[in-house]
PDB file of N, CA and C in Angstrom:
ATOM      1  N   MET A   1     121.516  82.394  76.501  1.00  0.00           N
ATOM      2  CA  MET A   1     121.467  83.787  76.891  1.00  0.00           C
ATOM      3  C   MET A   1     122.869  84.373  76.766  1.00  0.00           C
ATOM      4  N   SER A   2     122.965  85.540  76.169  1.00  0.00           N
ATOM      5  CA  SER A   2     124.251  86.193  75.974  1.00  0.00           C
ATOM      6  C   SER A   2     124.663  86.954  77.232  1.00  0.00           C
ATOM      7  N   ALA A   3     125.879  87.460  77.193  1.00  0.00           N
ATOM      8  CA  ALA A   3     126.379  88.226  78.333  1.00  0.00           C
ATOM      9  C   ALA A   3     125.601  89.521  78.478  1.00  0.00           C
ATOM     10  N   MET A   4     125.479  89.985  79.706  1.00  0.00           N
ATOM     11  CA  MET A   4     124.716  91.198  79.985  1.00  0.00           C
ATOM     12  C   MET A   4     125.434  92.400  79.366  1.00  0.00           C
ATOM     13  N   PRO A   5     124.703  93.242  78.616  1.00  0.00           N
ATOM     14  CA  PRO A   5     125.330  94.423  78.012  1.00  0.00           C
ATOM     15  C   PRO A   5     125.870  95.396  79.064  1.00  0.00           C
ATOM     16  N   LYS A   6     126.913  96.098  78.697  1.00  0.00           N
ATOM     17  CA  LYS A   6     127.517  97.084  79.612  1.00  0.00           C
ATOM     18  C   LYS A   6     126.535  98.209  79.946  1.00  0.00           C
ATOM     19  N   LYS A   7     125.600  98.484  79.029  1.00  0.00           N
ATOM     20  CA  LYS A   7     124.622  99.539  79.284  1.00  0.00           C
ATOM     21  C   LYS A   7     123.706  99.164  80.445  1.00  0.00           C
ATOM     22  N   MET A   8     123.508  97.873  80.655  1.00  0.00           N
ATOM     23  CA  MET A   8     122.693  97.442  81.799  1.00  0.00           C
ATOM     24  C   MET A   8     123.369  97.844  83.106  1.00  0.00           C
ATOM     25  N   MET A   9     124.684  97.652  83.175  1.00  0.00           N
ATOM     26  CA  MET A   9     125.411  98.037  84.380  1.00  0.00           C
ATOM     27  C   MET A   9     125.424  99.554  84.552  1.00  0.00           C
ATOM     28  N   ALA A  10     125.500 100.280  83.441  1.00  0.00           N
ATOM     29  CA  ALA A  10     125.438 101.740  83.524  1.00  0.00           C
ATOM     30  C   ALA A  10     124.076 102.185  84.041  1.00  0.00           C
ATOM     31  N   GLY A  11     123.005 101.569  83.547  1.00  0.00           N
ATOM     32  CA  GLY A  11     121.666 101.900  84.021  1.00  0.00           C
ATOM     33  C   GLY A  11     121.494 101.589  85.499  1.00  0.00           C
ATOM     34  N   LEU A  12     122.066 100.459  85.932  1.00  0.00           N
ATOM     35  CA  LEU A  12     122.008 100.092  87.348  1.00  0.00           C
ATOM     36  C   LEU A  12     122.738 101.124  88.198  1.00  0.00           C
ATOM     37  N   GLY A  13     123.914 101.529  87.764  1.00  0.00           N
ATOM     38  CA  GLY A  13     124.692 102.517  88.516  1.00  0.00           C
ATOM     39  C   GLY A  13     124.025 103.877  88.575  1.00  0.00           C
ATOM     40  N   ILE A  14     123.465 104.307  87.442  1.00  0.00           N
ATOM     41  CA  ILE A  14     122.775 105.600  87.408  1.00  0.00           C
ATOM     42  C   ILE A  14     121.547 105.564  88.321  1.00  0.00           C
ATOM     43  N   GLY A  15     120.818 104.459  88.305  1.00  0.00           N
ATOM     44  CA  GLY A  15     119.641 104.331  89.162  1.00  0.00           C
ATOM     45  C   GLY A  15     119.993 104.366  90.640  1.00  0.00           C
ATOM     46  N   LEU A  16     121.063 103.667  90.998  1.00  0.00           N
ATOM     47  CA  LEU A  16     121.489 103.675  92.407  1.00  0.00           C
ATOM     48  C   LEU A  16     121.977 105.063  92.828  1.00  0.00           C
ATOM     49  N   ALA A  17     122.713 105.734  91.941  1.00  0.00           N
ATOM     50  CA  ALA A  17     123.198 107.081  92.261  1.00  0.00           C
ATOM     51  C   ALA A  17     122.021 108.047  92.437  1.00  0.00           C
ATOM     52  N   GLY A  18     121.043 107.975  91.553  1.00  0.00           N
ATOM     53  CA  GLY A  18     119.869 108.844  91.673  1.00  0.00           C
ATOM     54  C   GLY A  18     119.082 108.568  92.940  1.00  0.00           C
ATOM     55  N   GLY A  19     118.951 107.292  93.297  1.00  0.00           N
ATOM     56  CA  GLY A  19     118.248 106.935  94.522  1.00  0.00           C
ATOM     57  C   GLY A  19     118.948 107.450  95.760  1.00  0.00           C
ATOM     58  N   ILE A  20     120.261 107.382  95.764  1.00  0.00           N
ATOM     59  CA  ILE A  20     121.022 107.855  96.920  1.00  0.00           C
ATOM     60  C   ILE A  20     120.945 109.374  97.036  1.00  0.00           C
ATOM     61  N   VAL A  21     121.037 110.074  95.897  1.00  0.00           N
ATOM     62  CA  VAL A  21     120.923 111.544  95.926  1.00  0.00           C
ATOM     63  C   VAL A  21     119.537 111.958  96.410  1.00  0.00           C
ATOM     64  N   ALA A  22     118.500 111.295  95.910  1.00  0.00           N
ATOM     65  CA  ALA A  22     117.138 111.625  96.330  1.00  0.00           C
ATOM     66  C   ALA A  22     116.914 111.281  97.800  1.00  0.00           C
ATOM     67  N   LEU A  23     117.554 110.219  98.279  1.00  0.00           N
ATOM     68  CA  LEU A  23     117.454 109.867  99.695  1.00  0.00           C
ATOM     69  C   LEU A  23     118.110 110.952 100.558  1.00  0.00           C
ATOM     70  N   GLY A  24     119.245 111.474 100.095  1.00  0.00           N
ATOM     71  CA  GLY A  24     119.890 112.581 100.800  1.00  0.00           C
ATOM     72  C   GLY A  24     119.034 113.838 100.789  1.00  0.00           C
ATOM     73  N   ALA A  25     118.371 114.108  99.655  1.00  0.00           N
ATOM     74  CA  ALA A  25     117.481 115.266  99.577  1.00  0.00           C
ATOM     75  C   ALA A  25     116.293 115.099 100.516  1.00  0.00           C
ATOM     76  N   MET A  26     115.835 113.864 100.662  1.00  0.00           N
ATOM     77  CA  MET A  26     114.730 113.599 101.581  1.00  0.00           C
ATOM     78  C   MET A  26     115.165 113.880 103.020  1.00  0.00           C
ATOM     79  N   ALA A  27     116.349 113.425 103.388  1.00  0.00           N
ATOM     80  CA  ALA A  27     116.838 113.669 104.744  1.00  0.00           C
ATOM     81  C   ALA A  27     117.067 115.159 104.988  1.00  0.00           C
ATOM     82  N   TYR A  28     117.540 115.865 103.975  1.00  0.00           N
ATOM     83  CA  TYR A  28     117.772 117.306 104.116  1.00  0.00           C
ATOM     84  C   TYR A  28     116.463 118.076 104.252  1.00  0.00           C
ATOM     85  N   ALA A  29     115.403 117.585 103.601  1.00  0.00           N
ATOM     86  CA  ALA A  29     114.116 118.289 103.627  1.00  0.00           C
ATOM     87  C   ALA A  29     113.415 118.175 104.978  1.00  0.00           C
ATOM     88  N   TRP A  30     113.743 117.161 105.761  1.00  0.00           N
ATOM     89  CA  TRP A  30     113.062 116.960 107.041  1.00  0.00           C
ATOM     90  C   TRP A  30     113.584 117.966 108.061  1.00  0.00           C
ATOM     91  N   ASP A  31     112.675 118.774 108.610  1.00  0.00           N
ATOM     92  CA  ASP A  31     113.069 119.726 109.646  1.00  0.00           C
ATOM     93  C   ASP A  31     112.306 119.513 110.945  1.00  0.00           C
ATOM     94  N   GLY A  32     111.561 118.419 111.039  1.00  0.00           N
ATOM     95  CA  GLY A  32     110.863 118.092 112.272  1.00  0.00           C
ATOM     96  C   GLY A  32     109.452 118.628 112.359  1.00  0.00           C
ATOM     97  N   SER A  33     109.013 119.336 111.345  1.00  0.00           N
ATOM     98  CA  SER A  33     107.657 119.887 111.385  1.00  0.00           C
ATOM     99  C   SER A  33     106.770 119.177 110.370  1.00  0.00           C
ATOM    100  N   LEU A  34     105.476 119.350 110.533  1.00  0.00           N
ATOM    101  CA  LEU A  34     104.534 118.749 109.592  1.00  0.00           C
ATOM    102  C   LEU A  34     104.573 119.425 108.232  1.00  0.00           C
ATOM    103  N   ASP A  35     105.040 120.662 108.177  1.00  0.00           N
ATOM    104  CA  ASP A  35     105.119 121.381 106.907  1.00  0.00           C
ATOM    105  C   ASP A  35     106.138 120.765 105.950  1.00  0.00           C
ATOM    106  N   SER A  36     107.096 120.035 106.473  1.00  0.00           N
ATOM    107  CA  SER A  36     108.130 119.453 105.619  1.00  0.00           C
ATOM    108  C   SER A  36     107.733 118.093 105.052  1.00  0.00           C
ATOM    109  N   LEU A  37     106.568 117.585 105.408  1.00  0.00           N
ATOM    110  CA  LEU A  37     106.169 116.248 104.950  1.00  0.00           C
ATOM    111  C   LEU A  37     105.956 116.172 103.442  1.00  0.00           C
ATOM    112  N   THR A  38     105.512 117.237 102.822  1.00  0.00           N
ATOM    113  CA  THR A  38     105.341 117.225 101.366  1.00  0.00           C
ATOM    114  C   THR A  38     106.684 117.048 100.675  1.00  0.00           C
ATOM    115  N   ALA A  39     107.667 117.810 101.095  1.00  0.00           N
ATOM    116  CA  ALA A  39     109.004 117.701 100.497  1.00  0.00           C
ATOM    117  C   ALA A  39     109.612 116.330 100.765  1.00  0.00           C
ATOM    118  N   VAL A  40     109.444 115.833 101.968  1.00  0.00           N
ATOM    119  CA  VAL A  40     109.977 114.513 102.311  1.00  0.00           C
ATOM    120  C   VAL A  40     109.291 113.435 101.469  1.00  0.00           C
ATOM    121  N   GLY A  41     107.979 113.522 101.332  1.00  0.00           N
ATOM    122  CA  GLY A  41     107.234 112.518 100.573  1.00  0.00           C
ATOM    123  C   GLY A  41     107.594 112.498  99.101  1.00  0.00           C
ATOM    124  N   ILE A  42     107.714 113.679  98.496  1.00  0.00           N
ATOM    125  CA  ILE A  42     108.065 113.721  97.071  1.00  0.00           C
ATOM    126  C   ILE A  42     109.477 113.210  96.851  1.00  0.00           C
ATOM    127  N   ASN A  43     110.406 113.598  97.715  1.00  0.00           N
ATOM    128  CA  ASN A  43     111.776 113.092  97.577  1.00  0.00           C
ATOM    129  C   ASN A  43     111.854 111.588  97.828  1.00  0.00           C
ATOM    130  N   MET A  44     111.031 111.085  98.730  1.00  0.00           N
ATOM    131  CA  MET A  44     110.988 109.646  98.966  1.00  0.00           C
ATOM    132  C   MET A  44     110.460 108.915  97.730  1.00  0.00           C
ATOM    133  N   LEU A  45     109.439 109.469  97.100  1.00  0.00           N
ATOM    134  CA  LEU A  45     108.905 108.874  95.886  1.00  0.00           C
ATOM    135  C   LEU A  45     109.943 108.856  94.768  1.00  0.00           C
ATOM    136  N   ILE A  46     110.685 109.935  94.620  1.00  0.00           N
ATOM    137  CA  ILE A  46     111.748 109.973  93.614  1.00  0.00           C
ATOM    138  C   ILE A  46     112.801 108.912  93.914  1.00  0.00           C
ATOM    139  N   SER A  47     113.172 108.787  95.169  1.00  0.00           N
ATOM    140  CA  SER A  47     114.162 107.791  95.562  1.00  0.00           C
ATOM    141  C   SER A  47     113.669 106.376  95.267  1.00  0.00           C
ATOM    142  N   ILE A  48     112.429 106.102  95.603  1.00  0.00           N
ATOM    143  CA  ILE A  48     111.860 104.772  95.356  1.00  0.00           C
ATOM    144  C   ILE A  48     111.830 104.473  93.864  1.00  0.00           C
ATOM    145  N   LEU A  49     111.453 105.458  93.061  1.00  0.00           N
ATOM    146  CA  LEU A  49     111.401 105.240  91.619  1.00  0.00           C
ATOM    147  C   LEU A  49     112.781 105.004  91.029  1.00  0.00           C
ATOM    148  N   PHE A  50     113.791 105.731  91.501  1.00  0.00           N
ATOM    149  CA  PHE A  50     115.151 105.487  91.018  1.00  0.00           C
ATOM    150  C   PHE A  50     115.621 104.083  91.402  1.00  0.00           C
ATOM    151  N   PHE A  51     115.342 103.662  92.625  1.00  0.00           N
ATOM    152  CA  PHE A  51     115.730 102.312  93.025  1.00  0.00           C
ATOM    153  C   PHE A  51     114.954 101.254  92.245  1.00  0.00           C
ATOM    154  N   ALA A  52     113.695 101.536  91.896  1.00  0.00           N
ATOM    155  CA  ALA A  52     112.911 100.603  91.079  1.00  0.00           C
ATOM    156  C   ALA A  52     113.502 100.481  89.682  1.00  0.00           C
ATOM    157  N   VAL A  53     113.917 101.599  89.111  1.00  0.00           N
ATOM    158  CA  VAL A  53     114.549 101.555  87.791  1.00  0.00           C
ATOM    159  C   VAL A  53     115.870 100.803  87.867  1.00  0.00           C
ATOM    160  N   ALA A  54     116.620 101.015  88.931  1.00  0.00           N
ATOM    161  CA  ALA A  54     117.879 100.283  89.090  1.00  0.00           C
ATOM    162  C   ALA A  54     117.622  98.783  89.178  1.00  0.00           C
ATOM    163  N   GLY A  55     116.562  98.392  89.841  1.00  0.00           N
ATOM    164  CA  GLY A  55     116.217  96.978  89.934  1.00  0.00           C
ATOM    165  C   GLY A  55     115.819  96.368  88.607  1.00  0.00           C
ATOM    166  N   CYS A  56     115.342  97.196  87.707  1.00  0.00           N
ATOM    167  CA  CYS A  56     114.977  96.698  86.369  1.00  0.00           C
ATOM    168  C   CYS A  56     116.196  96.372  85.532  1.00  0.00           C
ATOM    169  N   PHE A  57     117.348  96.891  85.879  1.00  0.00           N
ATOM    170  CA  PHE A  57     118.569  96.641  85.122  1.00  0.00           C
ATOM    171  C   PHE A  57     119.393  95.486  85.696  1.00  0.00           C
ATOM    172  N   THR A  58     118.789  94.601  86.448  1.00  0.00           N
ATOM    173  CA  THR A  58     119.495  93.446  86.987  1.00  0.00           C
ATOM    174  C   THR A  58     119.353  92.253  86.046  1.00  0.00           C
ATOM    175  N   LYS A  59     120.007  91.151  86.382  1.00  0.00           N
ATOM    176  CA  LYS A  59     119.968  89.964  85.512  1.00  0.00           C
ATOM    177  C   LYS A  59     118.565  89.410  85.350  1.00  0.00           C
ATOM    178  N   GLU A  60     117.838  89.296  86.419  1.00  0.00           N
ATOM    179  CA  GLU A  60     116.452  88.815  86.351  1.00  0.00           C
ATOM    180  C   GLU A  60     115.521  90.013  86.387  1.00  0.00           C
ATOM    181  N   ALA A  61     115.423  90.714  85.275  1.00  0.00           N
ATOM    182  CA  ALA A  61     114.596  91.914  85.201  1.00  0.00           C
ATOM    183  C   ALA A  61     113.132  91.550  85.453  1.00  0.00           C
ATOM    184  N   PRO A  62     112.470  92.251  86.359  1.00  0.00           N
ATOM    185  CA  PRO A  62     111.094  91.896  86.699  1.00  0.00           C
ATOM    186  C   PRO A  62     110.043  92.404  85.720  1.00  0.00           C
ATOM    187  N   VAL A  63     110.435  93.234  84.760  1.00  0.00           N
ATOM    188  CA  VAL A  63     109.476  93.821  83.827  1.00  0.00           C
ATOM    189  C   VAL A  63     109.951  93.611  82.397  1.00  0.00           C
ATOM    190  N   ALA A  64     109.065  93.893  81.447  1.00  0.00           N
ATOM    191  CA  ALA A  64     109.429  93.810  80.033  1.00  0.00           C
ATOM    192  C   ALA A  64     110.386  94.950  79.682  1.00  0.00           C
ATOM    193  N   GLY A  65     111.074  94.806  78.567  1.00  0.00           N
ATOM    194  CA  GLY A  65     112.075  95.789  78.167  1.00  0.00           C
ATOM    195  C   GLY A  65     111.533  97.187  77.981  1.00  0.00           C
ATOM    196  N   ASN A  66     110.359  97.321  77.379  1.00  0.00           N
ATOM    197  CA  ASN A  66     109.781  98.648  77.152  1.00  0.00           C
ATOM    198  C   ASN A  66     109.270  99.283  78.441  1.00  0.00           C
ATOM    199  N   SER A  67     108.981  98.493  79.439  1.00  0.00           N
ATOM    200  CA  SER A  67     108.464  99.025  80.702  1.00  0.00           C
ATOM    201  C   SER A  67     109.518  99.798  81.479  1.00  0.00           C
ATOM    202  N   ILE A  68     110.777  99.501  81.250  1.00  0.00           N
ATOM    203  CA  ILE A  68     111.840 100.217  81.958  1.00  0.00           C
ATOM    204  C   ILE A  68     111.829 101.694  81.560  1.00  0.00           C
ATOM    205  N   ALA A  69     111.612 101.963  80.281  1.00  0.00           N
ATOM    206  CA  ALA A  69     111.549 103.356  79.824  1.00  0.00           C
ATOM    207  C   ALA A  69     110.338 104.069  80.417  1.00  0.00           C
ATOM    208  N   VAL A  70     109.240 103.366  80.579  1.00  0.00           N
ATOM    209  CA  VAL A  70     108.035 103.977  81.159  1.00  0.00           C
ATOM    210  C   VAL A  70     108.275 104.321  82.627  1.00  0.00           C
ATOM    211  N   ILE A  71     108.889 103.419  83.366  1.00  0.00           N
ATOM    212  CA  ILE A  71     109.173 103.688  84.778  1.00  0.00           C
ATOM    213  C   ILE A  71     110.162 104.850  84.905  1.00  0.00           C
ATOM    214  N   SER A  72     111.147 104.904  84.003  1.00  0.00           N
ATOM    215  CA  SER A  72     112.099 106.017  84.004  1.00  0.00           C
ATOM    216  C   SER A  72     111.400 107.337  83.693  1.00  0.00           C
ATOM    217  N   ALA A  73     110.439 107.318  82.778  1.00  0.00           N
ATOM    218  CA  ALA A  73     109.690 108.537  82.441  1.00  0.00           C
ATOM    219  C   ALA A  73     108.822 108.992  83.612  1.00  0.00           C
ATOM    220  N   VAL A  74     108.246 108.049  84.339  1.00  0.00           N
ATOM    221  CA  VAL A  74     107.464 108.405  85.531  1.00  0.00           C
ATOM    222  C   VAL A  74     108.383 109.032  86.583  1.00  0.00           C
ATOM    223  N   CYS A  75     109.586 108.514  86.696  1.00  0.00           N
ATOM    224  CA  CYS A  75     110.563 109.090  87.620  1.00  0.00           C
ATOM    225  C   CYS A  75     110.888 110.533  87.222  1.00  0.00           C
ATOM    226  N   PHE A  76     111.078 110.764  85.923  1.00  0.00           N
ATOM    227  CA  PHE A  76     111.353 112.123  85.448  1.00  0.00           C
ATOM    228  C   PHE A  76     110.159 113.040  85.708  1.00  0.00           C
ATOM    229  N   ALA A  77     108.951 112.540  85.498  1.00  0.00           N
ATOM    230  CA  ALA A  77     107.754 113.343  85.743  1.00  0.00           C
ATOM    231  C   ALA A  77     107.641 113.710  87.226  1.00  0.00           C
ATOM    232  N   THR A  78     108.037 112.816  88.104  1.00  0.00           N
ATOM    233  CA  THR A  78     108.013 113.119  89.538  1.00  0.00           C
ATOM    234  C   THR A  78     109.050 114.183  89.883  1.00  0.00           C
ATOM    235  N   ILE A  79     110.172 114.166  89.187  1.00  0.00           N
ATOM    236  CA  ILE A  79     111.186 115.199  89.397  1.00  0.00           C
ATOM    237  C   ILE A  79     110.651 116.557  88.945  1.00  0.00           C
ATOM    238  N   VAL A  80     109.925 116.582  87.838  1.00  0.00           N
ATOM    239  CA  VAL A  80     109.296 117.826  87.380  1.00  0.00           C
ATOM    240  C   VAL A  80     108.278 118.302  88.421  1.00  0.00           C
ATOM    241  N   LEU A  81     107.519 117.378  88.998  1.00  0.00           N
ATOM    242  CA  LEU A  81     106.573 117.734  90.056  1.00  0.00           C
ATOM    243  C   LEU A  81     107.296 118.352  91.249  1.00  0.00           C
ATOM    244  N   ALA A  82     108.438 117.787  91.621  1.00  0.00           N
ATOM    245  CA  ALA A  82     109.211 118.342  92.736  1.00  0.00           C
ATOM    246  C   ALA A  82     109.697 119.752  92.403  1.00  0.00           C
ATOM    247  N   PHE A  83     110.051 119.984  91.140  1.00  0.00           N
ATOM    248  CA  PHE A  83     110.461 121.330  90.727  1.00  0.00           C
ATOM    249  C   PHE A  83     109.300 122.304  90.803  1.00  0.00           C
ATOM    250  N   LEU A  84     108.133 121.877  90.329  1.00  0.00           N
ATOM    251  CA  LEU A  84     106.964 122.754  90.337  1.00  0.00           C
ATOM    252  C   LEU A  84     106.482 123.062  91.751  1.00  0.00           C
ATOM    253  N   CYS A  85     106.602 122.088  92.656  1.00  0.00           N
ATOM    254  CA  CYS A  85     106.187 122.303  94.049  1.00  0.00           C
ATOM    255  C   CYS A  85     107.260 122.987  94.875  1.00  0.00           C
ATOM    256  N   ASP A  86     108.440 123.173  94.292  1.00  0.00           N
ATOM    257  CA  ASP A  86     109.563 123.826  94.971  1.00  0.00           C
ATOM    258  C   ASP A  86     109.888 123.135  96.293  1.00  0.00           C
ATOM    259  N   THR A  87     110.036 121.814  96.227  1.00  0.00           N
ATOM    260  CA  THR A  87     110.300 121.047  97.440  1.00  0.00           C
ATOM    261  C   THR A  87     111.773 120.742  97.657  1.00  0.00           C
ATOM    262  N   THR A  88     112.579 120.933  96.642  1.00  0.00           N
ATOM    263  CA  THR A  88     113.992 120.569  96.727  1.00  0.00           C
ATOM    264  C   THR A  88     114.829 121.692  96.118  1.00  0.00           C
ATOM    265  N   MET A  89     116.081 121.745  96.516  1.00  0.00           N
ATOM    266  CA  MET A  89     116.984 122.750  95.965  1.00  0.00           C
ATOM    267  C   MET A  89     117.133 122.565  94.455  1.00  0.00           C
ATOM    268  N   PHE A  90     117.333 123.668  93.750  1.00  0.00           N
ATOM    269  CA  PHE A  90     117.367 123.634  92.290  1.00  0.00           C
ATOM    270  C   PHE A  90     118.497 122.752  91.765  1.00  0.00           C
ATOM    271  N   TRP A  91     119.678 122.822  92.364  1.00  0.00           N
ATOM    272  CA  TRP A  91     120.800 122.038  91.840  1.00  0.00           C
ATOM    273  C   TRP A  91     120.573 120.545  92.037  1.00  0.00           C
ATOM    274  N   VAL A  92     119.854 120.154  93.077  1.00  0.00           N
ATOM    275  CA  VAL A  92     119.534 118.738  93.285  1.00  0.00           C
ATOM    276  C   VAL A  92     118.515 118.276  92.239  1.00  0.00           C
ATOM    277  N   ILE A  93     117.518 119.125  91.972  1.00  0.00           N
ATOM    278  CA  ILE A  93     116.529 118.810  90.935  1.00  0.00           C
ATOM    279  C   ILE A  93     117.227 118.685  89.583  1.00  0.00           C
ATOM    280  N   LEU A  94     118.151 119.583  89.299  1.00  0.00           N
ATOM    281  CA  LEU A  94     118.883 119.536  88.033  1.00  0.00           C
ATOM    282  C   LEU A  94     119.695 118.248  87.919  1.00  0.00           C
ATOM    283  N   LEU A  95     120.382 117.868  88.982  1.00  0.00           N
ATOM    284  CA  LEU A  95     121.164 116.628  88.970  1.00  0.00           C
ATOM    285  C   LEU A  95     120.266 115.405  88.795  1.00  0.00           C
ATOM    286  N   LEU A  96     119.165 115.362  89.519  1.00  0.00           N
ATOM    287  CA  LEU A  96     118.236 114.234  89.398  1.00  0.00           C
ATOM    288  C   LEU A  96     117.600 114.184  88.011  1.00  0.00           C
ATOM    289  N   GLY A  97     117.317 115.345  87.431  1.00  0.00           N
ATOM    290  CA  GLY A  97     116.761 115.391  86.080  1.00  0.00           C
ATOM    291  C   GLY A  97     117.732 114.848  85.051  1.00  0.00           C
ATOM    292  N   VAL A  98     119.002 115.205  85.177  1.00  0.00           N
ATOM    293  CA  VAL A  98     120.023 114.684  84.254  1.00  0.00           C
ATOM    294  C   VAL A  98     120.149 113.170  84.411  1.00  0.00           C
ATOM    295  N   LEU A  99     120.137 112.681  85.641  1.00  0.00           N
ATOM    296  CA  LEU A  99     120.213 111.237  85.864  1.00  0.00           C
ATOM    297  C   LEU A  99     118.985 110.518  85.300  1.00  0.00           C
ATOM    298  N   ALA A 100     117.807 111.117  85.439  1.00  0.00           N
ATOM    299  CA  ALA A 100     116.590 110.492  84.908  1.00  0.00           C
ATOM    300  C   ALA A 100     116.603 110.454  83.384  1.00  0.00           C
ATOM    301  N   VAL A 101     117.090 111.514  82.756  1.00  0.00           N
ATOM    302  CA  VAL A 101     117.186 111.520  81.294  1.00  0.00           C
ATOM    303  C   VAL A 101     118.191 110.469  80.829  1.00  0.00           C
ATOM    304  N   ALA A 102     119.289 110.315  81.567  1.00  0.00           N
ATOM    305  CA  ALA A 102     120.252 109.270  81.226  1.00  0.00           C
ATOM    306  C   ALA A 102     119.628 107.882  81.378  1.00  0.00           C
ATOM    307  N   GLU A 103     118.798 107.691  82.401  1.00  0.00           N
ATOM    308  CA  GLU A 103     118.097 106.411  82.579  1.00  0.00           C
ATOM    309  C   GLU A 103     117.151 106.138  81.409  1.00  0.00           C
ATOM    310  N   ILE A 104     116.441 107.163  80.972  1.00  0.00           N
ATOM    311  CA  ILE A 104     115.535 106.993  79.837  1.00  0.00           C
ATOM    312  C   ILE A 104     116.325 106.630  78.586  1.00  0.00           C
ATOM    313  N   ALA A 105     117.473 107.282  78.382  1.00  0.00           N
ATOM    314  CA  ALA A 105     118.294 106.987  77.206  1.00  0.00           C
ATOM    315  C   ALA A 105     118.805 105.551  77.232  1.00  0.00           C
ATOM    316  N   VAL A 106     119.239 105.084  78.384  1.00  0.00           N
ATOM    317  CA  VAL A 106     119.724 103.702  78.496  1.00  0.00           C
ATOM    318  C   VAL A 106     118.570 102.718  78.327  1.00  0.00           C
ATOM    319  N   ALA A 107     117.423 103.040  78.906  1.00  0.00           N
ATOM    320  CA  ALA A 107     116.272 102.135  78.836  1.00  0.00           C
ATOM    321  C   ALA A 107     115.706 102.020  77.427  1.00  0.00           C
ATOM    322  N   CYS A 108     115.878 103.050  76.601  1.00  0.00           N
ATOM    323  CA  CYS A 108     115.361 103.020  75.229  1.00  0.00           C
ATOM    324  C   CYS A 108     116.320 102.374  74.241  1.00  0.00           C
ATOM    325  N   CYS A 109     117.504 102.013  74.689  1.00  0.00           N
ATOM    326  CA  CYS A 109     118.490 101.393  73.799  1.00  0.00           C
ATOM    327  C   CYS A 109     117.974 100.025  73.337  1.00  0.00           C
ATOM    328  N   PRO A 110     117.991  99.759  72.032  1.00  0.00           N
ATOM    329  CA  PRO A 110     117.454  98.482  71.522  1.00  0.00           C
ATOM    330  C   PRO A 110     118.156  97.242  72.069  1.00  0.00           C
ATOM    331  N   THR A 111     119.469  97.314  72.306  1.00  0.00           N
ATOM    332  CA  THR A 111     120.163  96.136  72.836  1.00  0.00           C
ATOM    333  C   THR A 111     119.709  95.826  74.257  1.00  0.00           C
ATOM    334  N   VAL A 112     119.435  96.863  75.039  1.00  0.00           N
ATOM    335  CA  VAL A 112     118.951  96.655  76.407  1.00  0.00           C
ATOM    336  C   VAL A 112     117.555  96.041  76.382  1.00  0.00           C
ATOM    337  N   VAL A 113     116.679  96.565  75.541  1.00  0.00           N
ATOM    338  CA  VAL A 113     115.304  96.051  75.458  1.00  0.00           C
ATOM    339  C   VAL A 113     115.310  94.589  75.024  1.00  0.00           C
ATOM    340  N   ARG A 114     116.114  94.266  74.001  1.00  0.00           N
ATOM    341  CA  ARG A 114     116.175  92.872  73.530  1.00  0.00           C
ATOM    342  C   ARG A 114     116.727  91.942  74.604  1.00  0.00           C
ATOM    343  N   TRP A 115     117.775  92.393  75.298  1.00  0.00           N
ATOM    344  CA  TRP A 115     118.393  91.521  76.302  1.00  0.00           C
ATOM    345  C   TRP A 115     117.450  91.298  77.477  1.00  0.00           C
ATOM    346  N   VAL A 116     116.776  92.345  77.905  1.00  0.00           N
ATOM    347  CA  VAL A 116     115.839  92.203  79.034  1.00  0.00           C
ATOM    348  C   VAL A 116     114.695  91.287  78.645  1.00  0.00           C
ATOM    349  N   ASP A 117     114.169  91.443  77.428  1.00  0.00           N
ATOM    350  CA  ASP A 117     113.064  90.593  76.997  1.00  0.00           C
ATOM    351  C   ASP A 117     113.480  89.127  76.874  1.00  0.00           C
ATOM    352  N   SER A 118     114.729  88.876  76.508  1.00  0.00           N
ATOM    353  CA  SER A 118     115.172  87.484  76.383  1.00  0.00           C
ATOM    354  C   SER A 118     115.577  86.880  77.720  1.00  0.00           C
ATOM    355  N   ALA A 119     116.055  87.707  78.660  1.00  0.00           N
ATOM    356  CA  ALA A 119     116.540  87.182  79.945  1.00  0.00           C
ATOM    357  C   ALA A 119     115.496  87.193  81.028  1.00  0.00           C
ATOM    358  N   ARG A 120     114.367  87.839  80.779  1.00  0.00           N
ATOM    359  CA  ARG A 120     113.355  88.005  81.825  1.00  0.00           C
ATOM    360  C   ARG A 120     112.752  86.667  82.212  1.00  0.00           C
ATOM    361  N   VAL A 121     112.566  86.491  83.520  1.00  0.00           N
ATOM    362  CA  VAL A 121     111.912  85.297  84.042  1.00  0.00           C
ATOM    363  C   VAL A 121     110.413  85.556  84.045  1.00  0.00           C
ATOM    364  N   ALA A 122     109.688  84.774  83.280  1.00  0.00           N
ATOM    365  CA  ALA A 122     108.242  85.008  83.155  1.00  0.00           C
ATOM    366  C   ALA A 122     107.473  84.431  84.302  1.00  0.00           C
TER     367      ALA A 122
END
């Protein structure tokens, strides 16, 4: 097995940063009422998906190489849902969208896909 590509570490960092930002957005959305549960839930889902993508960029990747791009795309689709439901501030949605697109770009890189497929524990 070769050394882990630098893009894997970039994907891990981007995923952790997106998860932390979404976690902050979730905490900001909570105002103590039941009306805020939709915003909290969507932001929690975005945070979980970012952390899941970050976990895919570790040494023992739990999924196949092409699956990382699919999980990243689902994360981006959830961000679009948050925009359509108007649950989060626009600048936070914009930042999370940029991070999700960067995750998709890293996940689609052929060297990352090959390395994950060769290093994955079956």
